[in-house]
């Protein structure tokens, strides 16, 4: 008997556009023989499913059900394809936990913590062979904090919203004169801002997920961007950067990276698939943690589908495994 799956997308932030693109790919690759799928769009005004006749059906938020032609539809599992709030910051996860509905991502606590880049780095900082760029976390935009940055960090540095994704609001600062504009840009996106020293090295991103046989590390993707850094345009505009999968690493580097990202996944108590961004420092080869994304993009240009295909798997089989592992998760036993 087919399982009933809610594919949740949309969202409250600028990343909603990416969420909808991800949902298109997810919907196309969910196994119709195993799953009956309802794509539910969430925005500030409405949670709804649109049927084949283009009629919108509102979700009953008291129990997350749909009433379709007098028949009440309950869901066995939720495939969360919603980047940013409320799908990546723990809000939806907490809601589904209260309703005892299973879902494909990290739980509410892990989702909330990892949405905050500064807090995440504090948690993983003691993992062996993991390094973190020097940084300052700011909670207000004022002259004193600007001076704090100038006096304590070495240029160049990255200024980014502490909670957010897709590199929205992020700037690479090369001189102190550029700092005020960069801070203004980041604080427009968030009430907290993280300023980090630049690490010169090769940039990579790697997928990790909980499969039926335990934690699986996918081949890393090396990012070679024509831009200053892997920003929003580079991530979502074809041709702006080169994405090499598998990335160019020695066997020793692959083994070291695999061990580190597995420890990150375990220490943060992750579930489902996550994507971890990192640098290998140019002169030393040291692993520098950048951030973790607990709802990584699934659009045609996204990294995770590339990495899955590179090991000879279909996206359909991969999504099936994510759902089936969620359905048997020990969290619900």
C-alpha atoms as a PDB file:
ATOM      1  CA  UNK A   1       0.000   0.000   0.000  1.00  0.00           C
ATOM      2  CA  UNK A   2       1.340   3.423  -0.939  1.00  0.00           C
ATOM      3  CA  UNK A   3       2.409   5.816   1.777  1.00  0.00           C
ATOM      4  CA  UNK A   4       0.863   9.283   1.793  1.00  0.00           C
ATOM      5  CA  UNK A   5       3.523  11.975   1.587  1.00  0.00           C
ATOM      6  CA  UNK A   6       3.229  15.739   2.038  1.00  0.00           C
ATOM      7  CA  UNK A   7       5.880  17.603   0.042  1.00  0.00           C
ATOM      8  CA  UNK A   8       6.167  20.928   1.858  1.00  0.00           C
ATOM      9  CA  UNK A   9       7.625  23.951   0.055  1.00  0.00           C
ATOM     10  CA  UNK A  10       7.391  27.750  -0.155  1.00  0.00           C
ATOM     11  CA  UNK A  11       8.335  29.631   2.991  1.00  0.00           C
ATOM     12  CA  UNK A  12       8.577  33.067   4.569  1.00  0.00           C
ATOM     13  CA  UNK A  13      11.929  34.284   3.195  1.00  0.00           C
ATOM     14  CA  UNK A  14      13.660  35.176  -0.058  1.00  0.00           C
ATOM     15  CA  UNK A  15      14.671  31.532  -0.342  1.00  0.00           C
ATOM     16  CA  UNK A  16      11.070  30.572  -1.153  1.00  0.00           C
ATOM     17  CA  UNK A  17      11.900  30.843  -4.863  1.00  0.00           C
ATOM     18  CA  UNK A  18      14.614  28.210  -4.436  1.00  0.00           C
ATOM     19  CA  UNK A  19      12.246  26.083  -2.345  1.00  0.00           C
ATOM     20  CA  UNK A  20       9.722  25.948  -5.166  1.00  0.00           C
ATOM     21  CA  UNK A  21      12.437  24.921  -7.637  1.00  0.00           C
ATOM     22  CA  UNK A  22      13.612  22.197  -5.269  1.00  0.00           C
ATOM     23  CA  UNK A  23      10.050  20.944  -4.865  1.00  0.00           C
ATOM     24  CA  UNK A  24       9.647  20.585  -8.633  1.00  0.00           C
ATOM     25  CA  UNK A  25      12.600  18.203  -8.799  1.00  0.00           C
ATOM     26  CA  UNK A  26      11.565  16.320  -5.668  1.00  0.00           C
ATOM     27  CA  UNK A  27       8.005  15.872  -6.940  1.00  0.00           C
ATOM     28  CA  UNK A  28       9.223  14.570 -10.304  1.00  0.00           C
ATOM     29  CA  UNK A  29      11.443  11.998  -8.608  1.00  0.00           C
ATOM     30  CA  UNK A  30       9.239  10.593  -5.862  1.00  0.00           C
ATOM     31  CA  UNK A  31       8.287   7.011  -6.725  1.00  0.00           C
ATOM     32  CA  UNK A  32       4.601   7.059  -7.711  1.00  0.00           C
ATOM     33  CA  UNK A  33       4.347   3.308  -7.149  1.00  0.00           C
ATOM     34  CA  UNK A  34       5.336   3.721  -3.493  1.00  0.00           C
ATOM     35  CA  UNK A  35       4.088   7.186  -2.586  1.00  0.00           C
ATOM     36  CA  UNK A  36       0.951   9.260  -3.034  1.00  0.00           C
ATOM     37  CA  UNK A  37       2.305  12.816  -3.010  1.00  0.00           C
ATOM     38  CA  UNK A  38       0.575  16.109  -2.166  1.00  0.00           C
ATOM     39  CA  UNK A  39       2.618  19.267  -2.710  1.00  0.00           C
ATOM     40  CA  UNK A  40       1.728  21.759   0.001  1.00  0.00           C
ATOM     41  CA  UNK A  41       2.816  25.375  -0.319  1.00  0.00           C
ATOM     42  CA  UNK A  42       3.305  27.370   2.861  1.00  0.00           C
ATOM     43  CA  UNK A  43       3.407  31.161   2.933  1.00  0.00           C
ATOM     44  CA  UNK A  44       2.465  33.890   5.398  1.00  0.00           C
ATOM     45  CA  UNK A  45      -1.156  33.902   4.275  1.00  0.00           C
ATOM     46  CA  UNK A  46      -1.979  30.302   3.550  1.00  0.00           C
ATOM     47  CA  UNK A  47      -1.032  26.604   3.689  1.00  0.00           C
ATOM     48  CA  UNK A  48      -2.611  24.927   0.678  1.00  0.00           C
ATOM     49  CA  UNK A  49      -2.630  22.057  -1.813  1.00  0.00           C
ATOM     50  CA  UNK A  50      -3.676  22.689  -5.426  1.00  0.00           C
ATOM     51  CA  UNK A  51      -5.459  19.756  -7.084  1.00  0.00           C
ATOM     52  CA  UNK A  52      -5.495  18.745 -10.766  1.00  0.00           C
ATOM     53  CA  UNK A  53      -8.465  21.054 -11.399  1.00  0.00           C
ATOM     54  CA  UNK A  54      -6.390  23.968 -10.094  1.00  0.00           C
ATOM     55  CA  UNK A  55      -8.557  24.243  -6.988  1.00  0.00           C
ATOM     56  CA  UNK A  56      -6.829  25.225  -3.750  1.00  0.00           C
ATOM     57  CA  UNK A  57      -7.486  23.195  -0.627  1.00  0.00           C
ATOM     58  CA  UNK A  58      -6.491  24.712   2.703  1.00  0.00           C
ATOM     59  CA  UNK A  59      -4.578  22.562   5.165  1.00  0.00           C
ATOM     60  CA  UNK A  60      -6.166  22.096   8.575  1.00  0.00           C
ATOM     61  CA  UNK A  61      -3.284  23.309  10.734  1.00  0.00           C
ATOM     62  CA  UNK A  62      -4.768  21.816  13.894  1.00  0.00           C
ATOM     63  CA  UNK A  63      -3.800  18.325  12.719  1.00  0.00           C
ATOM     64  CA  UNK A  64      -2.086  18.845   9.328  1.00  0.00           C
ATOM     65  CA  UNK A  65      -4.769  17.163   7.250  1.00  0.00           C
ATOM     66  CA  UNK A  66      -6.533  17.865   3.968  1.00  0.00           C
ATOM     67  CA  UNK A  67     -10.259  17.514   3.348  1.00  0.00           C
ATOM     68  CA  UNK A  68     -10.580  16.417  -0.286  1.00  0.00           C
ATOM     69  CA  UNK A  69     -14.138  15.876  -1.492  1.00  0.00           C
ATOM     70  CA  UNK A  70     -15.281  14.920   1.987  1.00  0.00           C
ATOM     71  CA  UNK A  71     -12.366  12.517   2.544  1.00  0.00           C
ATOM     72  CA  UNK A  72      -9.865  13.362   5.264  1.00  0.00           C
ATOM     73  CA  UNK A  73      -6.255  12.852   4.171  1.00  0.00           C
ATOM     74  CA  UNK A  74      -3.620  12.146   6.841  1.00  0.00           C
ATOM     75  CA  UNK A  75       0.099  11.977   6.074  1.00  0.00           C
ATOM     76  CA  UNK A  76       2.529   9.193   6.877  1.00  0.00           C
ATOM     77  CA  UNK A  77       5.571  11.399   6.335  1.00  0.00           C
ATOM     78  CA  UNK A  78       6.494  14.955   5.338  1.00  0.00           C
ATOM     79  CA  UNK A  79       9.248  15.560   2.798  1.00  0.00           C
ATOM     80  CA  UNK A  80      10.505  19.025   3.784  1.00  0.00           C
ATOM     81  CA  UNK A  81      11.705  20.916   0.726  1.00  0.00           C
ATOM     82  CA  UNK A  82      11.423  24.371   2.264  1.00  0.00           C
ATOM     83  CA  UNK A  83      14.614  26.428   2.657  1.00  0.00           C
ATOM     84  CA  UNK A  84      14.825  29.153   5.287  1.00  0.00           C
ATOM     85  CA  UNK A  85      11.975  29.794   7.723  1.00  0.00           C
ATOM     86  CA  UNK A  86       9.853  27.917   8.765  1.00  0.00           C
ATOM     87  CA  UNK A  87      11.205  24.725   7.164  1.00  0.00           C
ATOM     88  CA  UNK A  88      14.883  24.954   8.036  1.00  0.00           C
ATOM     89  CA  UNK A  89      14.925  26.723  11.400  1.00  0.00           C
ATOM     90  CA  UNK A  90      13.047  24.117  13.445  1.00  0.00           C
ATOM     91  CA  UNK A  91       9.600  25.697  13.460  1.00  0.00           C
ATOM     92  CA  UNK A  92       7.909  23.138  11.203  1.00  0.00           C
ATOM     93  CA  UNK A  93       9.858  20.304  12.794  1.00  0.00           C
ATOM     94  CA  UNK A  94       8.557  21.264  16.243  1.00  0.00           C
ATOM     95  CA  UNK A  95       5.024  21.478  14.851  1.00  0.00           C
ATOM     96  CA  UNK A  96       5.275  18.006  13.295  1.00  0.00           C
ATOM     97  CA  UNK A  97       6.814  16.608  16.492  1.00  0.00           C
ATOM     98  CA  UNK A  98       3.773  17.759  18.455  1.00  0.00           C
ATOM     99  CA  UNK A  99       1.519  16.022  15.938  1.00  0.00           C
ATOM    100  CA  UNK A 100       3.752  12.907  15.888  1.00  0.00           C
ATOM    101  CA  UNK A 101       4.169  13.149  12.121  1.00  0.00           C
ATOM    102  CA  UNK A 102       7.453  11.930  10.700  1.00  0.00           C
ATOM    103  CA  UNK A 103       9.608  14.069   8.411  1.00  0.00           C
ATOM    104  CA  UNK A 104      12.797  13.814   6.371  1.00  0.00           C
ATOM    105  CA  UNK A 105      15.058  16.429   7.989  1.00  0.00           C
ATOM    106  CA  UNK A 106      16.929  17.065  11.228  1.00  0.00           C
ATOM    107  CA  UNK A 107      14.768  17.504  14.318  1.00  0.00           C
ATOM    108  CA  UNK A 108      13.602  20.832  15.741  1.00  0.00           C
ATOM    109  CA  UNK A 109      16.561  21.415  18.066  1.00  0.00           C
ATOM    110  CA  UNK A 110      19.250  20.597  15.515  1.00  0.00           C
ATOM    111  CA  UNK A 111      17.473  22.633  12.833  1.00  0.00           C
ATOM    112  CA  UNK A 112      17.222  25.674  15.099  1.00  0.00           C
ATOM    113  CA  UNK A 113      20.837  25.495  16.247  1.00  0.00           C
ATOM    114  CA  UNK A 114      22.358  24.925  12.813  1.00  0.00           C
ATOM    115  CA  UNK A 115      20.424  27.856  11.383  1.00  0.00           C
ATOM    116  CA  UNK A 116      22.658  29.996  13.608  1.00  0.00           C
ATOM    117  CA  UNK A 117      26.137  29.884  12.094  1.00  0.00           C
ATOM    118  CA  UNK A 118      27.901  31.188  15.196  1.00  0.00           C
ATOM    119  CA  UNK A 119      26.264  28.722  17.581  1.00  0.00           C
ATOM    120  CA  UNK A 120      26.949  25.824  15.211  1.00  0.00           C
ATOM    121  CA  UNK A 121      30.656  26.625  15.051  1.00  0.00           C
ATOM    122  CA  UNK A 122      30.868  26.768  18.838  1.00  0.00           C
ATOM    123  CA  UNK A 123      29.435  23.241  19.060  1.00  0.00           C
ATOM    124  CA  UNK A 124      31.695  21.609  16.455  1.00  0.00           C
ATOM    125  CA  UNK A 125      34.850  23.556  17.367  1.00  0.00           C
ATOM    126  CA  UNK A 126      36.461  20.727  19.365  1.00  0.00           C
ATOM    127  CA  UNK A 127      36.150  18.071  16.648  1.00  0.00           C
ATOM    128  CA  UNK A 128      39.582  16.665  15.865  1.00  0.00           C
ATOM    129  CA  UNK A 129      41.218  18.170  12.746  1.00  0.00           C
ATOM    130  CA  UNK A 130      38.385  20.677  12.272  1.00  0.00           C
ATOM    131  CA  UNK A 131      39.416  24.326  12.121  1.00  0.00           C
ATOM    132  CA  UNK A 132      37.327  27.503  12.233  1.00  0.00           C
ATOM    133  CA  UNK A 133      38.194  30.935  10.882  1.00  0.00           C
ATOM    134  CA  UNK A 134      38.540  33.708  13.468  1.00  0.00           C
ATOM    135  CA  UNK A 135      35.268  35.606  13.723  1.00  0.00           C
ATOM    136  CA  UNK A 136      33.052  38.043  15.612  1.00  0.00           C
ATOM    137  CA  UNK A 137      29.314  37.594  16.133  1.00  0.00           C
ATOM    138  CA  UNK A 138      27.444  40.917  16.205  1.00  0.00           C
ATOM    139  CA  UNK A 139      24.029  41.605  17.690  1.00  0.00           C
ATOM    140  CA  UNK A 140      23.772  45.278  16.737  1.00  0.00           C
ATOM    141  CA  UNK A 141      24.990  47.551  13.960  1.00  0.00           C
ATOM    142  CA  UNK A 142      26.902  50.446  15.490  1.00  0.00           C
ATOM    143  CA  UNK A 143      30.258  52.210  15.364  1.00  0.00           C
ATOM    144  CA  UNK A 144      31.604  50.337  18.405  1.00  0.00           C
ATOM    145  CA  UNK A 145      31.048  46.979  16.696  1.00  0.00           C
ATOM    146  CA  UNK A 146      32.606  48.253  13.477  1.00  0.00           C
ATOM    147  CA  UNK A 147      35.704  49.263  15.437  1.00  0.00           C
ATOM    148  CA  UNK A 148      35.689  45.865  17.165  1.00  0.00           C
ATOM    149  CA  UNK A 149      35.895  44.167  13.783  1.00  0.00           C
ATOM    150  CA  UNK A 150      38.625  46.467  12.479  1.00  0.00           C
ATOM    151  CA  UNK A 151      40.725  46.037  15.611  1.00  0.00           C
ATOM    152  CA  UNK A 152      40.332  42.274  16.050  1.00  0.00           C
ATOM    153  CA  UNK A 153      40.085  40.701  12.604  1.00  0.00           C
ATOM    154  CA  UNK A 154      42.474  40.742   9.670  1.00  0.00           C
ATOM    155  CA  UNK A 155      41.254  41.765   6.223  1.00  0.00           C
ATOM    156  CA  UNK A 156      39.784  40.488   4.042  1.00  0.00           C
ATOM    157  CA  UNK A 157      36.726  39.033   5.756  1.00  0.00           C
ATOM    158  CA  UNK A 158      33.230  37.850   5.011  1.00  0.00           C
ATOM    159  CA  UNK A 159      30.193  39.607   6.463  1.00  0.00           C
ATOM    160  CA  UNK A 160      27.059  37.456   6.487  1.00  0.00           C
ATOM    161  CA  UNK A 161      23.678  37.158   8.211  1.00  0.00           C
ATOM    162  CA  UNK A 162      24.088  34.709  11.079  1.00  0.00           C
ATOM    163  CA  UNK A 163      20.761  33.031  10.327  1.00  0.00           C
ATOM    164  CA  UNK A 164      20.079  32.438   6.675  1.00  0.00           C
ATOM    165  CA  UNK A 165      21.119  30.676   3.527  1.00  0.00           C
ATOM    166  CA  UNK A 166      21.826  30.904  -0.196  1.00  0.00           C
ATOM    167  CA  UNK A 167      24.470  33.565   0.602  1.00  0.00           C
ATOM    168  CA  UNK A 168      21.749  36.228   0.696  1.00  0.00           C
ATOM    169  CA  UNK A 169      23.093  39.389   2.351  1.00  0.00           C
ATOM    170  CA  UNK A 170      26.706  38.214   2.235  1.00  0.00           C
ATOM    171  CA  UNK A 171      29.684  40.419   1.274  1.00  0.00           C
ATOM    172  CA  UNK A 172      33.431  39.947   0.967  1.00  0.00           C
ATOM    173  CA  UNK A 173      35.106  42.980   2.531  1.00  0.00           C
ATOM    174  CA  UNK A 174      38.600  43.920   1.329  1.00  0.00           C
ATOM    175  CA  UNK A 175      39.032  47.293   3.048  1.00  0.00           C
ATOM    176  CA  UNK A 176      37.714  48.949   6.204  1.00  0.00           C
ATOM    177  CA  UNK A 177      35.861  51.486   4.054  1.00  0.00           C
ATOM    178  CA  UNK A 178      33.655  48.703   2.689  1.00  0.00           C
ATOM    179  CA  UNK A 179      32.608  47.461   6.132  1.00  0.00           C
ATOM    180  CA  UNK A 180      29.678  49.841   6.902  1.00  0.00           C
ATOM    181  CA  UNK A 181      27.847  48.998   3.662  1.00  0.00           C
ATOM    182  CA  UNK A 182      28.446  45.274   4.180  1.00  0.00           C
ATOM    183  CA  UNK A 183      27.099  45.424   7.736  1.00  0.00           C
ATOM    184  CA  UNK A 184      24.027  47.361   6.601  1.00  0.00           C
ATOM    185  CA  UNK A 185      23.358  44.746   3.921  1.00  0.00           C
ATOM    186  CA  UNK A 186      23.681  41.831   6.351  1.00  0.00           C
ATOM    187  CA  UNK A 187      21.619  43.451   9.120  1.00  0.00           C
ATOM    188  CA  UNK A 188      18.776  43.989   6.633  1.00  0.00           C
ATOM    189  CA  UNK A 189      18.489  40.191   6.502  1.00  0.00           C
ATOM    190  CA  UNK A 190      19.012  39.333  10.182  1.00  0.00           C
ATOM    191  CA  UNK A 191      19.344  40.731  13.702  1.00  0.00           C
ATOM    192  CA  UNK A 192      22.652  38.863  14.115  1.00  0.00           C
ATOM    193  CA  UNK A 193      25.657  39.118  11.813  1.00  0.00           C
ATOM    194  CA  UNK A 194      28.792  36.988  11.630  1.00  0.00           C
ATOM    195  CA  UNK A 195      32.090  38.474  10.437  1.00  0.00           C
ATOM    196  CA  UNK A 196      34.814  35.954   9.580  1.00  0.00           C
ATOM    197  CA  UNK A 197      38.390  36.216   8.434  1.00  0.00           C
ATOM    198  CA  UNK A 198      39.019  35.023   4.899  1.00  0.00           C
ATOM    199  CA  UNK A 199      40.636  31.595   4.521  1.00  0.00           C
ATOM    200  CA  UNK A 200      42.600  31.171   1.306  1.00  0.00           C
ATOM    201  CA  UNK A 201      42.068  27.737  -0.096  1.00  0.00           C
ATOM    202  CA  UNK A 202      39.975  25.438  -2.236  1.00  0.00           C
ATOM    203  CA  UNK A 203      36.249  25.449  -1.516  1.00  0.00           C
ATOM    204  CA  UNK A 204      34.193  22.266  -1.310  1.00  0.00           C
ATOM    205  CA  UNK A 205      30.722  21.177  -0.303  1.00  0.00           C
ATOM    206  CA  UNK A 206      29.753  17.643   0.655  1.00  0.00           C
ATOM    207  CA  UNK A 207      26.524  15.750   1.262  1.00  0.00           C
ATOM    208  CA  UNK A 208      26.038  13.457   4.263  1.00  0.00           C
ATOM    209  CA  UNK A 209      22.902  11.478   5.068  1.00  0.00           C
ATOM    210  CA  UNK A 210      21.495   8.738   7.268  1.00  0.00           C
ATOM    211  CA  UNK A 211      20.800   5.714   5.087  1.00  0.00           C
ATOM    212  CA  UNK A 212      19.407   2.294   5.878  1.00  0.00           C
ATOM    213  CA  UNK A 213      22.895   1.062   6.768  1.00  0.00           C
ATOM    214  CA  UNK A 214      24.091   4.098   8.699  1.00  0.00           C
ATOM    215  CA  UNK A 215      25.757   7.411   7.851  1.00  0.00           C
ATOM    216  CA  UNK A 216      26.771   7.828   4.207  1.00  0.00           C
ATOM    217  CA  UNK A 217      29.246  10.447   2.949  1.00  0.00           C
ATOM    218  CA  UNK A 218      28.738  11.444  -0.692  1.00  0.00           C
ATOM    219  CA  UNK A 219      31.602  12.538  -2.976  1.00  0.00           C
ATOM    220  CA  UNK A 220      32.548  16.173  -2.348  1.00  0.00           C
ATOM    221  CA  UNK A 221      31.998  18.859  -4.968  1.00  0.00           C
ATOM    222  CA  UNK A 222      34.778  21.374  -5.597  1.00  0.00           C
ATOM    223  CA  UNK A 223      33.562  24.915  -6.246  1.00  0.00           C
ATOM    224  CA  UNK A 224      35.589  26.991  -8.707  1.00  0.00           C
ATOM    225  CA  UNK A 225      33.795  30.320  -8.986  1.00  0.00           C
ATOM    226  CA  UNK A 226      34.403  33.195 -11.388  1.00  0.00           C
ATOM    227  CA  UNK A 227      32.994  35.411  -8.630  1.00  0.00           C
ATOM    228  CA  UNK A 228      34.757  36.583  -5.473  1.00  0.00           C
ATOM    229  CA  UNK A 229      32.996  33.826  -3.559  1.00  0.00           C
ATOM    230  CA  UNK A 230      30.193  31.274  -3.920  1.00  0.00           C
ATOM    231  CA  UNK A 231      27.383  33.840  -3.682  1.00  0.00           C
ATOM    232  CA  UNK A 232      23.700  33.669  -4.630  1.00  0.00           C
ATOM    233  CA  UNK A 233      24.407  34.271  -8.329  1.00  0.00           C
ATOM    234  CA  UNK A 234      27.169  31.668  -8.403  1.00  0.00           C
ATOM    235  CA  UNK A 235      24.942  29.107  -6.688  1.00  0.00           C
ATOM    236  CA  UNK A 236      21.903  29.486  -8.886  1.00  0.00           C
ATOM    237  CA  UNK A 237      23.091  30.839 -12.256  1.00  0.00           C
ATOM    238  CA  UNK A 238      24.441  28.193 -14.647  1.00  0.00           C
ATOM    239  CA  UNK A 239      27.930  28.915 -15.921  1.00  0.00           C
ATOM    240  CA  UNK A 240      28.981  31.380 -13.226  1.00  0.00           C
ATOM    241  CA  UNK A 241      31.003  28.723 -11.412  1.00  0.00           C
ATOM    242  CA  UNK A 242      32.433  25.315 -12.160  1.00  0.00           C
ATOM    243  CA  UNK A 243      31.247  22.481  -9.933  1.00  0.00           C
ATOM    244  CA  UNK A 244      33.570  19.489 -10.059  1.00  0.00           C
ATOM    245  CA  UNK A 245      32.139  16.244  -8.690  1.00  0.00           C
ATOM    246  CA  UNK A 246      34.016  14.376  -7.305  1.00  0.00           C
ATOM    247  CA  UNK A 247      36.219  17.251  -6.194  1.00  0.00           C
ATOM    248  CA  UNK A 248      39.967  17.086  -6.689  1.00  0.00           C
ATOM    249  CA  UNK A 249      41.320  15.664  -3.444  1.00  0.00           C
ATOM    250  CA  UNK A 250      43.945  13.081  -2.619  1.00  0.00           C
ATOM    251  CA  UNK A 251      42.894   9.793  -1.030  1.00  0.00           C
ATOM    252  CA  UNK A 252      44.315  11.055   2.257  1.00  0.00           C
ATOM    253  CA  UNK A 253      42.239  14.250   2.014  1.00  0.00           C
ATOM    254  CA  UNK A 254      39.093  12.266   1.151  1.00  0.00           C
ATOM    255  CA  UNK A 255      39.550   9.995   4.156  1.00  0.00           C
ATOM    256  CA  UNK A 256      40.239  12.923   6.480  1.00  0.00           C
ATOM    257  CA  UNK A 257      37.258  14.932   5.217  1.00  0.00           C
ATOM    258  CA  UNK A 258      34.980  11.883   5.438  1.00  0.00           C
ATOM    259  CA  UNK A 259      35.923  11.324   9.068  1.00  0.00           C
ATOM    260  CA  UNK A 260      35.441  14.995   9.992  1.00  0.00           C
ATOM    261  CA  UNK A 261      32.038  15.449   8.337  1.00  0.00           C
ATOM    262  CA  UNK A 262      30.804  12.190   9.862  1.00  0.00           C
ATOM    263  CA  UNK A 263      31.714  13.553  13.304  1.00  0.00           C
ATOM    264  CA  UNK A 264      29.946  16.840  12.485  1.00  0.00           C
ATOM    265  CA  UNK A 265      26.813  14.921  11.480  1.00  0.00           C
ATOM    266  CA  UNK A 266      26.924  12.877  14.692  1.00  0.00           C
ATOM    267  CA  UNK A 267      27.746  15.734  17.058  1.00  0.00           C
ATOM    268  CA  UNK A 268      24.916  17.888  15.727  1.00  0.00           C
ATOM    269  CA  UNK A 269      22.551  14.880  15.914  1.00  0.00           C
ATOM    270  CA  UNK A 270      21.592  15.239  12.252  1.00  0.00           C
ATOM    271  CA  UNK A 271      18.971  13.258  10.366  1.00  0.00           C
ATOM    272  CA  UNK A 272      18.122  13.103   6.683  1.00  0.00           C
ATOM    273  CA  UNK A 273      20.518  14.669   4.210  1.00  0.00           C
ATOM    274  CA  UNK A 274      22.675  17.696   5.028  1.00  0.00           C
ATOM    275  CA  UNK A 275      25.314  19.601   3.073  1.00  0.00           C
ATOM    276  CA  UNK A 276      28.531  20.754   4.739  1.00  0.00           C
ATOM    277  CA  UNK A 277      30.635  23.544   3.216  1.00  0.00           C
ATOM    278  CA  UNK A 278      34.364  23.712   3.917  1.00  0.00           C
ATOM    279  CA  UNK A 279      37.750  24.997   2.751  1.00  0.00           C
ATOM    280  CA  UNK A 280      41.007  23.113   2.447  1.00  0.00           C
ATOM    281  CA  UNK A 281      43.539  25.792   3.314  1.00  0.00           C
ATOM    282  CA  UNK A 282      45.953  26.508   0.494  1.00  0.00           C
ATOM    283  CA  UNK A 283      49.294  26.066   2.254  1.00  0.00           C
ATOM    284  CA  UNK A 284      48.401  23.569   4.972  1.00  0.00           C
ATOM    285  CA  UNK A 285      45.496  21.507   3.603  1.00  0.00           C
ATOM    286  CA  UNK A 286      43.693  22.029   6.920  1.00  0.00           C
ATOM    287  CA  UNK A 287      39.905  21.532   6.980  1.00  0.00           C
ATOM    288  CA  UNK A 288      38.082  24.800   7.736  1.00  0.00           C
ATOM    289  CA  UNK A 289      34.379  24.422   8.509  1.00  0.00           C
ATOM    290  CA  UNK A 290      32.154  27.062   6.863  1.00  0.00           C
ATOM    291  CA  UNK A 291      28.581  26.010   7.600  1.00  0.00           C
ATOM    292  CA  UNK A 292      26.007  23.239   7.442  1.00  0.00           C
ATOM    293  CA  UNK A 293      22.753  23.296   5.481  1.00  0.00           C
ATOM    294  CA  UNK A 294      20.077  20.970   6.875  1.00  0.00           C
ATOM    295  CA  UNK A 295      17.657  21.404   3.937  1.00  0.00           C
ATOM    296  CA  UNK A 296      20.050  21.469   0.972  1.00  0.00           C
ATOM    297  CA  UNK A 297      18.762  22.538  -2.422  1.00  0.00           C
ATOM    298  CA  UNK A 298      17.327  19.912  -4.751  1.00  0.00           C
ATOM    299  CA  UNK A 299      16.836  22.005  -7.902  1.00  0.00           C
ATOM    300  CA  UNK A 300      18.346  21.050 -11.255  1.00  0.00           C
ATOM    301  CA  UNK A 301      21.458  23.135 -10.485  1.00  0.00           C
ATOM    302  CA  UNK A 302      21.834  21.902  -6.908  1.00  0.00           C
ATOM    303  CA  UNK A 303      24.799  20.023  -5.489  1.00  0.00           C
ATOM    304  CA  UNK A 304      23.190  17.032  -3.742  1.00  0.00           C
ATOM    305  CA  UNK A 305      21.573  15.590  -6.901  1.00  0.00           C
ATOM    306  CA  UNK A 306      24.950  15.857  -8.654  1.00  0.00           C
ATOM    307  CA  UNK A 307      26.671  13.959  -5.863  1.00  0.00           C
ATOM    308  CA  UNK A 308      24.003  11.253  -5.744  1.00  0.00           C
ATOM    309  CA  UNK A 309      24.262  10.660  -9.493  1.00  0.00           C
ATOM    310  CA  UNK A 310      28.069  10.553  -9.275  1.00  0.00           C
ATOM    311  CA  UNK A 311      27.901   7.318  -7.233  1.00  0.00           C
ATOM    312  CA  UNK A 312      25.602   5.691  -9.773  1.00  0.00           C
ATOM    313  CA  UNK A 313      22.338   6.139  -7.875  1.00  0.00           C
ATOM    314  CA  UNK A 314      19.110   7.595  -9.181  1.00  0.00           C
ATOM    315  CA  UNK A 315      17.530  10.546  -7.420  1.00  0.00           C
ATOM    316  CA  UNK A 316      14.315   8.516  -7.179  1.00  0.00           C
ATOM    317  CA  UNK A 317      16.024   5.748  -5.202  1.00  0.00           C
ATOM    318  CA  UNK A 318      17.782   8.311  -3.007  1.00  0.00           C
ATOM    319  CA  UNK A 319      14.537  10.085  -2.087  1.00  0.00           C
ATOM    320  CA  UNK A 320      12.868   6.744  -1.455  1.00  0.00           C
ATOM    321  CA  UNK A 321      15.605   5.836   1.020  1.00  0.00           C
ATOM    322  CA  UNK A 322      15.290   9.188   2.831  1.00  0.00           C
ATOM    323  CA  UNK A 323      11.545   8.643   3.280  1.00  0.00           C
ATOM    324  CA  UNK A 324      11.829   4.990   4.269  1.00  0.00           C
ATOM    325  CA  UNK A 325      14.510   5.748   6.870  1.00  0.00           C
ATOM    326  CA  UNK A 326      12.293   8.523   8.265  1.00  0.00           C
ATOM    327  CA  UNK A 327       9.402   6.075   8.549  1.00  0.00           C
ATOM    328  CA  UNK A 328      11.455   3.630  10.639  1.00  0.00           C
ATOM    329  CA  UNK A 329      13.434   6.230  12.612  1.00  0.00           C
ATOM    330  CA  UNK A 330      14.128   5.249  16.208  1.00  0.00           C
ATOM    331  CA  UNK A 331      12.898   8.703  17.220  1.00  0.00           C
ATOM    332  CA  UNK A 332       9.351   7.463  16.714  1.00  0.00           C
ATOM    333  CA  UNK A 333       9.694   3.951  18.141  1.00  0.00           C
END
